[in-house]
Every structure is written in C-alpha cells, then in structure tokens.
Amino acid sequence: MKLDILVFGAHPDDVELGCGGTIAKHVSLGYKVGVVDLTQGELGTRGTIETRKQEATDASKILKLSVRENLGLKDGFFINDQPSQLKLIQAIRKYQPEIVIANAVEDRHPDHGKGSKLVFDSCFFSGLAKIETSDNSSTQIPWRPKKLYHYIQSQLIMPDLVVDISDFWKEKIESVRVYKTQFYSAASNEPETFISKPSFLAFLEARARELGQSINVEYAEGFTVNSMIGVDHLFQIH
C-alpha cells in the first residue's frame, strides 16, 4: 500500500499528541496516512503492552488511518544503529510516502529526540540503492520521501510551519483520550505521571490555541523542518 504521509512515533500516543489533528485533516482531504510506532511503550509507568496496543487500535479508527504497525524496538533503549535503521528503511520502502512526519528534534523524553534522528537518517538511507532490503521475500526498491517534518511535543520549539486544525480538534482530542491508561482518570489507581495529571490535557489545548492564535485560527499544530519550505507564489501563504 502506497501512502501519501507516513508518521513515526517513538511510543503509541506520540503521533496523536503531536499531530493528530493534522493527520485527521489530511485524511479528510483524501490522502492516505499511516503510522509506525517504534516501540510498544513497555516502560511506561501506567498501562501494559496489551492495553496500549488496544488503545492505539482505537485511536487509529478515530483518525481513519490506512495502516498502523509497531516495529517493536526497545522502549528507552533503542539506538540509532544499523539494525534499527534497516527496520525503518523497510517500512519507508514498503509504504513509499511522499511525506514523513517524525518526533520532535529534542524533547523532555529522550526517546523523542532519538526517534527523530533515527527517522531522519533512515529517510536518507532509504534512497540509497546499495542498501538492500526485502519485504515478504520481494526485493524493495529505494525510496526517499520528498519532505520530512517534525511535530512539537512537550518542549516548546518555535515552529517553521503551522497547520490549522480547527475543524479537527474533536478528532485529535478523542484520539488522545482513548489512551485511557495514560491520561487522567478519576477512577484510576495507578501512579501519577507527567501526562496523567489533570492539567496535561488543558496544556495540550492551550498549546493548540496558542499556535492557532499565531495564524488567526482557533486550533493549530506546529512543525519544524530540516530544509527550506518553498512555495510557487506568495498567495499560497496564509
């Protein structure tokens, strides 16, 4: 299956938090969007591998993803090495996305920055013909996405690009809330974490409103890029 956009997240729930609205918006425009989670989030204080897998499945339905898979790298301990890169290269060549979106270039959680660099390197290496990979015994062809964007997570990073998600805030927040083990619930007896505090979802909305205000809309998500953004003419800029 060829995708228009492939989104990577170090953990299940990263993509929903970072760019769930952007995903929902592009799906509504007819683009095929898929997600690849690098780890199962097994080191998370709350929840289990099984509950997070089900939550990711539920979130995928809300966002109407074309596909979602998990590479099973070690949460907290994956590194940007050849075996990990080859797994990502296989996924990139399998789905042949025009655009890839990845974790923030640096963030509170070390896996986010590590995941960002792993995706960056793998996107480049995926275009090299002398790196050979296969999928179901078939040799894959080289593929390099046209653009790589990084969503913004806990740490405030000034975006290079802001996307209006005002009409898709409902889908975004619903896709986040289905991760019931991870976020605030009065009925939960699990230990409190940074993201399970009642204030966290308020912070998430405040961030989206702040970015939205910067482009005179209600809600937005921000992205950084590693290369220049080009437009055909000035009236393409909102």
C-alpha atoms as a PDB file:
ATOM      1  CA  MET A   1       0.000   0.000   0.000  1.00  0.00           C
ATOM      2  CA  LYS A   2       1.441   3.332  -1.046  1.00  0.00           C
ATOM      3  CA  LEU A   3       0.858   6.129   1.449  1.00  0.00           C
ATOM      4  CA  ASP A   4       0.870   9.879   0.973  1.00  0.00           C
ATOM      5  CA  ILE A   5       2.027  10.515   4.541  1.00  0.00           C
ATOM      6  CA  LEU A   6       3.824   8.183   6.958  1.00  0.00           C
ATOM      7  CA  VAL A   7       4.004   9.315  10.589  1.00  0.00           C
ATOM      8  CA  PHE A   8       6.506   7.851  13.054  1.00  0.00           C
ATOM      9  CA  GLY A   9       6.203   7.947  16.834  1.00  0.00           C
ATOM     10  CA  ALA A  10       8.619   6.655  19.452  1.00  0.00           C
ATOM     11  CA  HIS A  11       5.667   5.481  21.553  1.00  0.00           C
ATOM     12  CA  PRO A  12       1.984   4.758  20.980  1.00  0.00           C
ATOM     13  CA  ASP A  13       0.184   8.100  21.614  1.00  0.00           C
ATOM     14  CA  ASP A  14       3.081  10.306  20.395  1.00  0.00           C
ATOM     15  CA  VAL A  15       1.525  10.918  16.988  1.00  0.00           C
ATOM     16  CA  GLU A  16      -1.924  11.626  18.427  1.00  0.00           C
ATOM     17  CA  LEU A  17      -0.491  14.197  20.826  1.00  0.00           C
ATOM     18  CA  GLY A  18       1.860  15.778  18.300  1.00  0.00           C
ATOM     19  CA  CYS A  19      -0.109  15.809  15.072  1.00  0.00           C
ATOM     20  CA  GLY A  20      -3.441  14.021  15.438  1.00  0.00           C
ATOM     21  CA  GLY A  21      -5.321  16.998  14.024  1.00  0.00           C
ATOM     22  CA  THR A  22      -3.040  17.249  11.009  1.00  0.00           C
ATOM     23  CA  ILE A  23      -3.496  13.532  10.342  1.00  0.00           C
ATOM     24  CA  ALA A  24      -7.298  13.784  10.546  1.00  0.00           C
ATOM     25  CA  LYS A  25      -7.318  16.843   8.282  1.00  0.00           C
ATOM     26  CA  HIS A  26      -5.252  15.215   5.546  1.00  0.00           C
ATOM     27  CA  VAL A  27      -7.319  12.019   5.686  1.00  0.00           C
ATOM     28  CA  SER A  28     -10.435  14.168   5.175  1.00  0.00           C
ATOM     29  CA  LEU A  29      -8.765  15.676   2.098  1.00  0.00           C
ATOM     30  CA  GLY A  30      -8.393  12.211   0.584  1.00  0.00           C
ATOM     31  CA  TYR A  31      -4.764  11.495   1.447  1.00  0.00           C
ATOM     32  CA  LYS A  32      -3.691   8.056   2.689  1.00  0.00           C
ATOM     33  CA  VAL A  33      -1.971   8.343   6.054  1.00  0.00           C
ATOM     34  CA  GLY A  34      -0.297   5.604   8.076  1.00  0.00           C
ATOM     35  CA  VAL A  35       1.512   5.398  11.405  1.00  0.00           C
ATOM     36  CA  VAL A  36       4.536   3.383  12.501  1.00  0.00           C
ATOM     37  CA  ASP A  37       5.200   3.236  16.242  1.00  0.00           C
ATOM     38  CA  LEU A  38       8.834   2.458  17.054  1.00  0.00           C
ATOM     39  CA  THR A  39       8.222   0.846  20.460  1.00  0.00           C
ATOM     40  CA  GLN A  40       5.335  -0.648  22.401  1.00  0.00           C
ATOM     41  CA  GLY A  41       5.796   1.835  25.239  1.00  0.00           C
ATOM     42  CA  GLU A  42       6.543  -1.035  27.586  1.00  0.00           C
ATOM     43  CA  LEU A  43       8.473   1.120  30.059  1.00  0.00           C
ATOM     44  CA  GLY A  44       5.518   3.421  30.653  1.00  0.00           C
ATOM     45  CA  THR A  45       4.543   3.743  34.316  1.00  0.00           C
ATOM     46  CA  ARG A  46       0.874   3.177  33.525  1.00  0.00           C
ATOM     47  CA  GLY A  47      -0.788   0.554  31.368  1.00  0.00           C
ATOM     48  CA  THR A  48       0.627  -2.551  29.691  1.00  0.00           C
ATOM     49  CA  ILE A  49       1.763  -3.572  26.217  1.00  0.00           C
ATOM     50  CA  GLU A  50      -1.665  -5.119  25.657  1.00  0.00           C
ATOM     51  CA  THR A  51      -3.687  -2.108  26.792  1.00  0.00           C
ATOM     52  CA  ARG A  52      -1.574   0.314  24.773  1.00  0.00           C
ATOM     53  CA  LYS A  53      -1.922  -1.871  21.689  1.00  0.00           C
ATOM     54  CA  GLN A  54      -5.705  -1.759  22.012  1.00  0.00           C
ATOM     55  CA  GLU A  55      -5.656   1.988  22.666  1.00  0.00           C
ATOM     56  CA  ALA A  56      -3.534   2.531  19.539  1.00  0.00           C
ATOM     57  CA  THR A  57      -6.042   0.478  17.544  1.00  0.00           C
ATOM     58  CA  ASP A  58      -8.931   2.570  18.876  1.00  0.00           C
ATOM     59  CA  ALA A  59      -7.109   5.818  18.109  1.00  0.00           C
ATOM     60  CA  SER A  60      -6.345   4.616  14.578  1.00  0.00           C
ATOM     61  CA  LYS A  61     -10.049   4.140  13.922  1.00  0.00           C
ATOM     62  CA  ILE A  62     -10.830   7.666  15.087  1.00  0.00           C
ATOM     63  CA  LEU A  63      -8.131   9.140  12.836  1.00  0.00           C
ATOM     64  CA  LYS A  64      -9.142   6.782   9.976  1.00  0.00           C
ATOM     65  CA  LEU A  65      -5.600   5.643   9.331  1.00  0.00           C
ATOM     66  CA  SER A  66      -4.931   3.458   6.305  1.00  0.00           C
ATOM     67  CA  VAL A  67      -2.462   1.352   8.275  1.00  0.00           C
ATOM     68  CA  ARG A  68      -0.650   1.206  11.606  1.00  0.00           C
ATOM     69  CA  GLU A  69       2.195  -1.041  12.661  1.00  0.00           C
ATOM     70  CA  ASN A  70       4.682  -1.348  15.503  1.00  0.00           C
ATOM     71  CA  LEU A  71       8.381  -2.087  14.924  1.00  0.00           C
ATOM     72  CA  GLY A  72       8.921  -3.466  18.415  1.00  0.00           C
ATOM     73  CA  LEU A  73      12.144  -1.585  19.171  1.00  0.00           C
ATOM     74  CA  LYS A  74      13.111  -1.489  22.867  1.00  0.00           C
ATOM     75  CA  ASP A  75      11.387   1.341  24.710  1.00  0.00           C
ATOM     76  CA  GLY A  76      14.013   3.574  26.302  1.00  0.00           C
ATOM     77  CA  PHE A  77      16.924   1.557  24.941  1.00  0.00           C
ATOM     78  CA  PHE A  78      16.604   1.619  21.157  1.00  0.00           C
ATOM     79  CA  ILE A  79      19.531   3.242  19.400  1.00  0.00           C
ATOM     80  CA  ASN A  80      20.220   4.736  16.007  1.00  0.00           C
ATOM     81  CA  ASP A  81      22.158   1.755  14.667  1.00  0.00           C
ATOM     82  CA  GLN A  82      22.114  -0.324  11.505  1.00  0.00           C
ATOM     83  CA  PRO A  83      19.531  -2.932  12.632  1.00  0.00           C
ATOM     84  CA  SER A  84      17.101  -0.203  13.722  1.00  0.00           C
ATOM     85  CA  GLN A  85      17.669   1.829  10.572  1.00  0.00           C
ATOM     86  CA  LEU A  86      17.030  -1.218   8.390  1.00  0.00           C
ATOM     87  CA  LYS A  87      13.659  -1.766  10.082  1.00  0.00           C
ATOM     88  CA  LEU A  88      12.666   1.824   9.339  1.00  0.00           C
ATOM     89  CA  ILE A  89      14.030   1.666   5.807  1.00  0.00           C
ATOM     90  CA  GLN A  90      11.880  -1.409   5.175  1.00  0.00           C
ATOM     91  CA  ALA A  91       8.805   0.477   6.383  1.00  0.00           C
ATOM     92  CA  ILE A  92       9.613   3.560   4.289  1.00  0.00           C
ATOM     93  CA  ARG A  93      10.195   1.483   1.164  1.00  0.00           C
ATOM     94  CA  LYS A  94       7.082  -0.586   1.864  1.00  0.00           C
ATOM     95  CA  TYR A  95       4.758   2.432   2.031  1.00  0.00           C
ATOM     96  CA  GLN A  96       6.679   4.839  -0.265  1.00  0.00           C
ATOM     97  CA  PRO A  97       5.363   8.021   1.394  1.00  0.00           C
ATOM     98  CA  GLU A  98       5.755  11.426  -0.214  1.00  0.00           C
ATOM     99  CA  ILE A  99       5.933  12.997   3.251  1.00  0.00           C
ATOM    100  CA  VAL A 100       7.264  11.629   6.534  1.00  0.00           C
ATOM    101  CA  ILE A 101       6.460  13.153   9.922  1.00  0.00           C
ATOM    102  CA  ALA A 102       8.536  12.294  12.993  1.00  0.00           C
ATOM    103  CA  ASN A 103       9.032  13.096  16.681  1.00  0.00           C
ATOM    104  CA  ALA A 104      10.310  16.447  17.925  1.00  0.00           C
ATOM    105  CA  VAL A 105      14.013  17.010  17.287  1.00  0.00           C
ATOM    106  CA  GLU A 106      14.530  17.250  21.064  1.00  0.00           C
ATOM    107  CA  ASP A 107      12.158  16.903  23.974  1.00  0.00           C
ATOM    108  CA  ARG A 108      11.616  16.053  27.629  1.00  0.00           C
ATOM    109  CA  HIS A 109      11.619  12.301  26.881  1.00  0.00           C
ATOM    110  CA  PRO A 110      14.987  11.116  25.475  1.00  0.00           C
ATOM    111  CA  ASP A 111      13.266   8.667  23.095  1.00  0.00           C
ATOM    112  CA  HIS A 112      11.649  11.526  21.200  1.00  0.00           C
ATOM    113  CA  GLY A 113      14.898  13.117  20.097  1.00  0.00           C
ATOM    114  CA  LYS A 114      16.454   9.694  19.467  1.00  0.00           C
ATOM    115  CA  GLY A 115      13.469   8.676  17.366  1.00  0.00           C
ATOM    116  CA  SER A 116      13.633  11.917  15.421  1.00  0.00           C
ATOM    117  CA  LYS A 117      17.276  11.360  14.437  1.00  0.00           C
ATOM    118  CA  LEU A 118      16.644   7.693  13.648  1.00  0.00           C
ATOM    119  CA  VAL A 119      13.859   8.651  11.231  1.00  0.00           C
ATOM    120  CA  PHE A 120      15.956  11.431   9.672  1.00  0.00           C
ATOM    121  CA  ASP A 121      18.868   9.084   8.949  1.00  0.00           C
ATOM    122  CA  SER A 122      16.610   6.262   7.753  1.00  0.00           C
ATOM    123  CA  CYS A 123      14.783   8.519   5.293  1.00  0.00           C
ATOM    124  CA  PHE A 124      18.116   9.400   3.688  1.00  0.00           C
ATOM    125  CA  PHE A 125      19.495   5.851   3.649  1.00  0.00           C
ATOM    126  CA  SER A 126      16.211   4.550   2.237  1.00  0.00           C
ATOM    127  CA  GLY A 127      17.103   6.302  -1.009  1.00  0.00           C
ATOM    128  CA  LEU A 128      20.442   4.525  -1.430  1.00  0.00           C
ATOM    129  CA  ALA A 129      20.250   1.695  -3.966  1.00  0.00           C
ATOM    130  CA  LYS A 130      23.186  -0.214  -2.477  1.00  0.00           C
ATOM    131  CA  ILE A 131      21.309  -0.743   0.790  1.00  0.00           C
ATOM    132  CA  GLU A 132      19.264  -3.850   0.061  1.00  0.00           C
ATOM    133  CA  THR A 133      16.055  -4.727   1.888  1.00  0.00           C
ATOM    134  CA  SER A 134      13.187  -7.093   1.204  1.00  0.00           C
ATOM    135  CA  ASP A 135       9.549  -7.415   2.188  1.00  0.00           C
ATOM    136  CA  ASN A 136       7.876 -10.844   2.122  1.00  0.00           C
ATOM    137  CA  SER A 137      10.811 -12.197   0.087  1.00  0.00           C
ATOM    138  CA  SER A 138      10.480  -9.464  -2.556  1.00  0.00           C
ATOM    139  CA  THR A 139      13.354  -7.044  -3.065  1.00  0.00           C
ATOM    140  CA  GLN A 140      12.356  -3.480  -2.227  1.00  0.00           C
ATOM    141  CA  ILE A 141      13.195  -0.502  -4.393  1.00  0.00           C
ATOM    142  CA  PRO A 142      14.974   2.574  -2.986  1.00  0.00           C
ATOM    143  CA  TRP A 143      12.643   5.346  -1.831  1.00  0.00           C
ATOM    144  CA  ARG A 144      13.363   8.735  -0.310  1.00  0.00           C
ATOM    145  CA  PRO A 145      10.436  10.896   0.901  1.00  0.00           C
ATOM    146  CA  LYS A 146      10.206  14.363  -0.579  1.00  0.00           C
ATOM    147  CA  LYS A 147       9.843  16.073   2.798  1.00  0.00           C
ATOM    148  CA  LEU A 148      10.392  15.346   6.483  1.00  0.00           C
ATOM    149  CA  TYR A 149       8.563  17.305   9.178  1.00  0.00           C
ATOM    150  CA  HIS A 150       8.894  17.066  12.976  1.00  0.00           C
ATOM    151  CA  TYR A 151       5.926  17.664  15.264  1.00  0.00           C
ATOM    152  CA  ILE A 152       6.304  19.579  18.521  1.00  0.00           C
ATOM    153  CA  GLN A 153       5.804  17.749  21.824  1.00  0.00           C
ATOM    154  CA  SER A 154       6.265  18.754  25.477  1.00  0.00           C
ATOM    155  CA  GLN A 155       9.148  21.160  24.984  1.00  0.00           C
ATOM    156  CA  LEU A 156       8.185  24.408  23.273  1.00  0.00           C
ATOM    157  CA  ILE A 157      10.056  24.661  19.986  1.00  0.00           C
ATOM    158  CA  MET A 158       9.297  27.526  17.648  1.00  0.00           C
ATOM    159  CA  PRO A 159       7.659  26.014  14.573  1.00  0.00           C
ATOM    160  CA  ASP A 160       8.692  26.603  10.984  1.00  0.00           C
ATOM    161  CA  LEU A 161       5.218  25.623   9.798  1.00  0.00           C
ATOM    162  CA  VAL A 162       1.803  25.830  11.453  1.00  0.00           C
ATOM    163  CA  VAL A 163      -1.238  23.821  10.313  1.00  0.00           C
ATOM    164  CA  ASP A 164      -4.818  24.932  11.011  1.00  0.00           C
ATOM    165  CA  ILE A 165      -6.643  22.023  12.715  1.00  0.00           C
ATOM    166  CA  SER A 166      -9.640  23.977  13.981  1.00  0.00           C
ATOM    167  CA  ASP A 167     -12.159  21.679  12.264  1.00  0.00           C
ATOM    168  CA  PHE A 168     -10.369  18.585  13.521  1.00  0.00           C
ATOM    169  CA  TRP A 169      -9.720  19.360  17.176  1.00  0.00           C
ATOM    170  CA  LYS A 170     -12.526  16.985  18.180  1.00  0.00           C
ATOM    171  CA  GLU A 171     -10.881  14.065  16.368  1.00  0.00           C
ATOM    172  CA  LYS A 172      -7.484  14.909  17.832  1.00  0.00           C
ATOM    173  CA  ILE A 173      -8.632  15.090  21.433  1.00  0.00           C
ATOM    174  CA  GLU A 174     -10.773  11.952  21.049  1.00  0.00           C
ATOM    175  CA  SER A 175      -7.784  10.049  19.684  1.00  0.00           C
ATOM    176  CA  VAL A 176      -5.776  11.150  22.723  1.00  0.00           C
ATOM    177  CA  ARG A 177      -8.474  10.331  25.270  1.00  0.00           C
ATOM    178  CA  VAL A 178      -8.793   6.699  24.113  1.00  0.00           C
ATOM    179  CA  TYR A 179      -5.390   6.132  25.727  1.00  0.00           C
ATOM    180  CA  LYS A 180      -7.276   5.714  28.970  1.00  0.00           C
ATOM    181  CA  THR A 181      -4.373   4.182  30.868  1.00  0.00           C
ATOM    182  CA  GLN A 182      -2.087   7.109  30.065  1.00  0.00           C
ATOM    183  CA  PHE A 183      -4.146  10.207  30.786  1.00  0.00           C
ATOM    184  CA  TYR A 184      -6.168  11.483  33.712  1.00  0.00           C
ATOM    185  CA  SER A 185      -8.979   9.355  35.027  1.00  0.00           C
ATOM    186  CA  ALA A 186     -10.560   9.875  38.441  1.00  0.00           C
ATOM    187  CA  ALA A 187     -11.158   6.121  38.618  1.00  0.00           C
ATOM    188  CA  SER A 188      -7.507   5.181  38.081  1.00  0.00           C
ATOM    189  CA  ASN A 189      -5.419   3.892  40.976  1.00  0.00           C
ATOM    190  CA  GLU A 190      -2.147   3.926  39.003  1.00  0.00           C
ATOM    191  CA  PRO A 191       0.730   6.275  39.904  1.00  0.00           C
ATOM    192  CA  GLU A 192       0.508   9.841  38.640  1.00  0.00           C
ATOM    193  CA  THR A 193       2.791  10.749  35.760  1.00  0.00           C
ATOM    194  CA  PHE A 194       3.657  13.891  33.829  1.00  0.00           C
ATOM    195  CA  ILE A 195       0.913  13.245  31.262  1.00  0.00           C
ATOM    196  CA  SER A 196      -1.698  11.777  33.638  1.00  0.00           C
ATOM    197  CA  LYS A 197      -2.092  14.967  35.642  1.00  0.00           C
ATOM    198  CA  PRO A 198      -5.471  16.672  35.150  1.00  0.00           C
ATOM    199  CA  SER A 199      -3.649  19.767  33.905  1.00  0.00           C
ATOM    200  CA  PHE A 200      -1.944  17.989  30.998  1.00  0.00           C
ATOM    201  CA  LEU A 201      -4.909  17.943  28.628  1.00  0.00           C
ATOM    202  CA  ALA A 202      -5.525  21.600  29.463  1.00  0.00           C
ATOM    203  CA  PHE A 203      -1.904  22.265  28.499  1.00  0.00           C
ATOM    204  CA  LEU A 204      -2.418  20.376  25.230  1.00  0.00           C
ATOM    205  CA  GLU A 205      -5.393  22.566  24.366  1.00  0.00           C
ATOM    206  CA  ALA A 206      -3.583  25.738  25.411  1.00  0.00           C
ATOM    207  CA  ARG A 207      -0.660  24.856  23.125  1.00  0.00           C
ATOM    208  CA  ALA A 208      -3.023  24.273  20.196  1.00  0.00           C
ATOM    209  CA  ARG A 209      -4.840  27.533  20.900  1.00  0.00           C
ATOM    210  CA  GLU A 210      -1.565  29.450  21.152  1.00  0.00           C
ATOM    211  CA  LEU A 211      -0.351  28.104  17.820  1.00  0.00           C
ATOM    212  CA  GLY A 212      -3.769  28.771  16.337  1.00  0.00           C
ATOM    213  CA  GLN A 213      -3.715  32.350  17.559  1.00  0.00           C
ATOM    214  CA  SER A 214      -0.411  32.845  15.748  1.00  0.00           C
ATOM    215  CA  ILE A 215      -2.164  32.305  12.401  1.00  0.00           C
ATOM    216  CA  ASN A 216      -5.542  33.734  13.447  1.00  0.00           C
ATOM    217  CA  VAL A 217      -7.397  30.409  13.764  1.00  0.00           C
ATOM    218  CA  GLU A 218      -8.796  28.548  16.767  1.00  0.00           C
ATOM    219  CA  TYR A 219      -6.510  25.500  16.924  1.00  0.00           C
ATOM    220  CA  ALA A 220      -3.247  24.589  15.181  1.00  0.00           C
ATOM    221  CA  GLU A 221      -0.286  22.221  15.312  1.00  0.00           C
ATOM    222  CA  GLY A 222       3.313  23.234  14.694  1.00  0.00           C
ATOM    223  CA  PHE A 223       6.147  21.533  12.845  1.00  0.00           C
ATOM    224  CA  THR A 224       9.844  22.082  12.285  1.00  0.00           C
ATOM    225  CA  VAL A 225      11.742  21.181   9.123  1.00  0.00           C
ATOM    226  CA  ASN A 226      15.370  20.484   8.244  1.00  0.00           C
ATOM    227  CA  SER A 227      15.241  22.195   4.860  1.00  0.00           C
ATOM    228  CA  MET A 228      13.733  25.286   3.269  1.00  0.00           C
ATOM    229  CA  ILE A 229       9.996  25.430   2.606  1.00  0.00           C
ATOM    230  CA  GLY A 230       9.296  26.598  -0.939  1.00  0.00           C
ATOM    231  CA  VAL A 231       6.083  27.951  -2.445  1.00  0.00           C
ATOM    232  CA  ASP A 232       5.143  28.627  -6.053  1.00  0.00           C
ATOM    233  CA  HIS A 233       3.791  32.096  -5.309  1.00  0.00           C
ATOM    234  CA  LEU A 234       3.178  34.357  -2.309  1.00  0.00           C
ATOM    235  CA  PHE A 235      -0.596  33.868  -2.293  1.00  0.00           C
ATOM    236  CA  GLN A 236      -0.130  30.239  -1.258  1.00  0.00           C
ATOM    237  CA  ILE A 237       0.888  31.538   2.187  1.00  0.00           C
ATOM    238  CA  HIS A 238      -1.993  32.020   4.631  1.00  0.00           C
END
